[in-house]
Amino acid sequence: VIHDAVPFGDVCIGIFTHQVFDSTTYWEKKKYEQQLIEELMLREKIRVTMEGIVLTASRSVDTLEKVMSTKATPTDMDCYTAALRRFSEKCFNLGQTEFALRVVYALANLCDSGVAMYSVLDSIDKNCS
């Protein structure tokens, strides 16, 4: 079993952190601190956006908690595929925003929870610009 020092999805956080500590000048340190802060803020924005999508579509805190905390095994592929496409177009481009890939499981869970596809897509539109 291989145990990485830093989980794959957190490599950029680890790199920025090391760059902050390894910086030799004040300005270099500030630059890497800013990059680290921006990455952490983006991750929080992605999480909050997904929670908003789930809550708007389901109108239930119980569903929000279940959808956000359950590993996904998508069964409603039509809904999930449409939701992924809309999320990538309207919220965060999945090809350019690596962390967004770590929260899209919630869309599969939302689609499989009985929420209608049009409600999921409408919620994405409402929560993303």
C-alpha atoms as a PDB file:
ATOM      1  CA  VAL A   1       0.000   0.000   0.000  1.00  0.00           C
ATOM      2  CA  ILE A   2       1.325   3.398  -0.985  1.00  0.00           C
ATOM      3  CA  HIS A   3       0.721   6.255   1.408  1.00  0.00           C
ATOM      4  CA  ASP A   4       1.325   9.674  -0.072  1.00  0.00           C
ATOM      5  CA  ALA A   5       2.514  12.466   2.162  1.00  0.00           C
ATOM      6  CA  VAL A   6      -0.112  14.710   0.556  1.00  0.00           C
ATOM      7  CA  PRO A   7      -3.366  13.387  -0.930  1.00  0.00           C
ATOM      8  CA  PHE A   8      -3.474  13.826  -4.710  1.00  0.00           C
ATOM      9  CA  GLY A   9      -6.223  16.449  -4.635  1.00  0.00           C
ATOM     10  CA  ASP A  10      -4.273  18.580  -2.176  1.00  0.00           C
ATOM     11  CA  VAL A  11      -0.941  18.639  -4.004  1.00  0.00           C
ATOM     12  CA  CYS A  12      -1.289  22.300  -5.041  1.00  0.00           C
ATOM     13  CA  ILE A  13      -2.006  23.263  -1.403  1.00  0.00           C
ATOM     14  CA  GLY A  14       1.114  21.367  -0.352  1.00  0.00           C
ATOM     15  CA  ILE A  15       3.186  23.037  -3.064  1.00  0.00           C
ATOM     16  CA  PHE A  16       1.998  26.539  -2.122  1.00  0.00           C
ATOM     17  CA  THR A  17       2.629  25.819   1.565  1.00  0.00           C
ATOM     18  CA  HIS A  18       6.172  24.630   0.867  1.00  0.00           C
ATOM     19  CA  GLN A  19       6.796  27.630  -1.376  1.00  0.00           C
ATOM     20  CA  VAL A  20       5.689  29.954   1.433  1.00  0.00           C
ATOM     21  CA  PHE A  21       8.087  28.302   3.880  1.00  0.00           C
ATOM     22  CA  ASP A  22      10.928  28.075   1.364  1.00  0.00           C
ATOM     23  CA  SER A  23      10.652  31.686   0.205  1.00  0.00           C
ATOM     24  CA  THR A  24      13.786  33.732   0.611  1.00  0.00           C
ATOM     25  CA  THR A  25      12.299  37.204   0.216  1.00  0.00           C
ATOM     26  CA  TYR A  26       9.324  38.982   1.733  1.00  0.00           C
ATOM     27  CA  TRP A  27       7.704  39.550  -1.683  1.00  0.00           C
ATOM     28  CA  GLU A  28       8.160  35.963  -2.760  1.00  0.00           C
ATOM     29  CA  LYS A  29       6.561  34.766   0.475  1.00  0.00           C
ATOM     30  CA  LYS A  30       3.628  37.160   0.009  1.00  0.00           C
ATOM     31  CA  LYS A  31       3.115  35.941  -3.569  1.00  0.00           C
ATOM     32  CA  TYR A  32       2.846  32.299  -2.491  1.00  0.00           C
ATOM     33  CA  GLU A  33       0.690  33.165   0.507  1.00  0.00           C
ATOM     34  CA  GLN A  34      -1.699  34.948  -1.858  1.00  0.00           C
ATOM     35  CA  GLN A  35      -1.805  31.936  -4.190  1.00  0.00           C
ATOM     36  CA  LEU A  36      -2.541  29.673  -1.219  1.00  0.00           C
ATOM     37  CA  ILE A  37      -5.315  31.967   0.030  1.00  0.00           C
ATOM     38  CA  GLU A  38      -6.851  32.181  -3.454  1.00  0.00           C
ATOM     39  CA  GLU A  39      -6.888  28.380  -3.793  1.00  0.00           C
ATOM     40  CA  LEU A  40      -8.483  27.933  -0.370  1.00  0.00           C
ATOM     41  CA  MET A  41     -11.088  30.603  -1.137  1.00  0.00           C
ATOM     42  CA  LEU A  42     -11.908  28.969  -4.484  1.00  0.00           C
ATOM     43  CA  ARG A  43     -12.378  25.611  -2.775  1.00  0.00           C
ATOM     44  CA  GLU A  44     -14.728  27.138  -0.225  1.00  0.00           C
ATOM     45  CA  LYS A  45     -16.684  28.906  -2.980  1.00  0.00           C
ATOM     46  CA  ILE A  46     -17.074  25.591  -4.833  1.00  0.00           C
ATOM     47  CA  ARG A  47     -18.282  23.813  -1.684  1.00  0.00           C
ATOM     48  CA  VAL A  48     -20.746  26.575  -0.812  1.00  0.00           C
ATOM     49  CA  THR A  49     -22.030  26.702  -4.394  1.00  0.00           C
ATOM     50  CA  MET A  50     -22.670  22.945  -4.459  1.00  0.00           C
ATOM     51  CA  GLU A  51     -24.449  23.106  -1.110  1.00  0.00           C
ATOM     52  CA  GLY A  52     -26.605  25.920  -2.480  1.00  0.00           C
ATOM     53  CA  ILE A  53     -27.461  23.871  -5.567  1.00  0.00           C
ATOM     54  CA  VAL A  54     -28.455  20.864  -3.476  1.00  0.00           C
ATOM     55  CA  LEU A  55     -30.474  22.902  -0.982  1.00  0.00           C
ATOM     56  CA  THR A  56     -32.271  24.902  -3.684  1.00  0.00           C
ATOM     57  CA  ALA A  57     -33.174  21.759  -5.648  1.00  0.00           C
ATOM     58  CA  SER A  58     -34.150  19.562  -2.701  1.00  0.00           C
ATOM     59  CA  ARG A  59     -35.530  22.223  -0.334  1.00  0.00           C
ATOM     60  CA  SER A  60     -34.430  19.978   2.513  1.00  0.00           C
ATOM     61  CA  VAL A  61     -31.572  20.233   4.985  1.00  0.00           C
ATOM     62  CA  ASP A  62     -31.834  16.477   5.569  1.00  0.00           C
ATOM     63  CA  THR A  63     -31.348  15.831   1.843  1.00  0.00           C
ATOM     64  CA  LEU A  64     -28.464  18.321   1.791  1.00  0.00           C
ATOM     65  CA  GLU A  65     -26.656  16.444   4.547  1.00  0.00           C
ATOM     66  CA  LYS A  66     -27.278  13.045   2.948  1.00  0.00           C
ATOM     67  CA  VAL A  67     -26.322  14.141  -0.575  1.00  0.00           C
ATOM     68  CA  MET A  68     -23.134  15.867   0.586  1.00  0.00           C
ATOM     69  CA  SER A  69     -21.966  13.030   2.838  1.00  0.00           C
ATOM     70  CA  THR A  70     -22.698   9.919   0.748  1.00  0.00           C
ATOM     71  CA  LYS A  71     -20.385   8.326  -1.789  1.00  0.00           C
ATOM     72  CA  ALA A  72     -22.015   8.396  -5.212  1.00  0.00           C
ATOM     73  CA  THR A  73     -22.969   5.475  -7.381  1.00  0.00           C
ATOM     74  CA  PRO A  74     -24.970   7.230 -10.102  1.00  0.00           C
ATOM     75  CA  THR A  75     -27.991   5.454 -11.515  1.00  0.00           C
ATOM     76  CA  ASP A  76     -29.905   8.298 -13.205  1.00  0.00           C
ATOM     77  CA  MET A  77     -27.271   8.910 -15.845  1.00  0.00           C
ATOM     78  CA  ASP A  78     -29.416  11.237 -17.961  1.00  0.00           C
ATOM     79  CA  CYS A  79     -29.886  13.610 -15.040  1.00  0.00           C
ATOM     80  CA  TYR A  80     -26.284  13.280 -13.853  1.00  0.00           C
ATOM     81  CA  THR A  81     -24.806  13.888 -17.314  1.00  0.00           C
ATOM     82  CA  ALA A  82     -27.019  16.933 -17.895  1.00  0.00           C
ATOM     83  CA  ALA A  83     -26.206  18.270 -14.427  1.00  0.00           C
ATOM     84  CA  LEU A  84     -22.451  17.805 -14.953  1.00  0.00           C
ATOM     85  CA  ARG A  85     -22.614  19.603 -18.274  1.00  0.00           C
ATOM     86  CA  ARG A  86     -24.638  22.504 -16.829  1.00  0.00           C
ATOM     87  CA  PHE A  87     -22.421  22.740 -13.708  1.00  0.00           C
ATOM     88  CA  SER A  88     -19.305  22.873 -15.895  1.00  0.00           C
ATOM     89  CA  GLU A  89     -20.838  25.503 -18.188  1.00  0.00           C
ATOM     90  CA  LYS A  90     -22.458  27.737 -15.552  1.00  0.00           C
ATOM     91  CA  CYS A  91     -20.468  27.226 -12.344  1.00  0.00           C
ATOM     92  CA  PHE A  92     -16.947  25.861 -12.568  1.00  0.00           C
ATOM     93  CA  ASN A  93     -15.342  24.459 -15.699  1.00  0.00           C
ATOM     94  CA  LEU A  94     -14.558  20.865 -14.785  1.00  0.00           C
ATOM     95  CA  GLY A  95     -11.666  20.780 -17.247  1.00  0.00           C
ATOM     96  CA  GLN A  96     -10.000  23.778 -15.615  1.00  0.00           C
ATOM     97  CA  THR A  97     -11.016  23.620 -11.945  1.00  0.00           C
ATOM     98  CA  GLU A  98      -9.645  20.403 -10.462  1.00  0.00           C
ATOM     99  CA  PHE A  99     -11.260  20.812  -7.049  1.00  0.00           C
ATOM    100  CA  ALA A 100     -14.735  21.058  -8.612  1.00  0.00           C
ATOM    101  CA  LEU A 101     -14.346  17.418  -9.659  1.00  0.00           C
ATOM    102  CA  ARG A 102     -14.248  16.529  -5.969  1.00  0.00           C
ATOM    103  CA  VAL A 103     -17.784  17.790  -5.299  1.00  0.00           C
ATOM    104  CA  VAL A 104     -19.740  16.670  -8.380  1.00  0.00           C
ATOM    105  CA  TYR A 105     -20.601  13.385  -6.640  1.00  0.00           C
ATOM    106  CA  ALA A 106     -23.301  15.484  -4.971  1.00  0.00           C
ATOM    107  CA  LEU A 107     -25.002  15.963  -8.340  1.00  0.00           C
ATOM    108  CA  ALA A 108     -25.210  12.196  -8.817  1.00  0.00           C
ATOM    109  CA  ASN A 109     -26.658  11.800  -5.341  1.00  0.00           C
ATOM    110  CA  LEU A 110     -29.094  14.639  -5.940  1.00  0.00           C
ATOM    111  CA  CYS A 111     -30.297  13.108  -9.220  1.00  0.00           C
ATOM    112  CA  ASP A 112     -30.680   9.719  -7.522  1.00  0.00           C
ATOM    113  CA  SER A 113     -32.548  11.184  -4.539  1.00  0.00           C
ATOM    114  CA  GLY A 114     -35.740  11.647  -6.539  1.00  0.00           C
ATOM    115  CA  VAL A 115     -35.289  15.327  -7.380  1.00  0.00           C
ATOM    116  CA  ALA A 116     -36.470  15.948 -10.939  1.00  0.00           C
ATOM    117  CA  MET A 117     -33.822  16.730 -13.547  1.00  0.00           C
ATOM    118  CA  TYR A 118     -35.422  20.092 -14.394  1.00  0.00           C
ATOM    119  CA  SER A 119     -35.212  21.061 -10.701  1.00  0.00           C
ATOM    120  CA  VAL A 120     -31.533  20.128 -10.560  1.00  0.00           C
ATOM    121  CA  LEU A 121     -30.756  22.109 -13.718  1.00  0.00           C
ATOM    122  CA  ASP A 122     -32.845  25.086 -12.572  1.00  0.00           C
ATOM    123  CA  SER A 123     -31.016  25.058  -9.230  1.00  0.00           C
ATOM    124  CA  ILE A 124     -27.651  25.120 -10.998  1.00  0.00           C
ATOM    125  CA  ASP A 125     -28.835  28.095 -13.050  1.00  0.00           C
ATOM    126  CA  LYS A 126     -30.016  29.916  -9.910  1.00  0.00           C
ATOM    127  CA  ASN A 127     -26.829  29.296  -7.928  1.00  0.00           C
ATOM    128  CA  CYS A 128     -24.323  29.998 -10.699  1.00  0.00           C
ATOM    129  CA  SER A 129     -23.932  32.928 -13.040  1.00  0.00           C
END
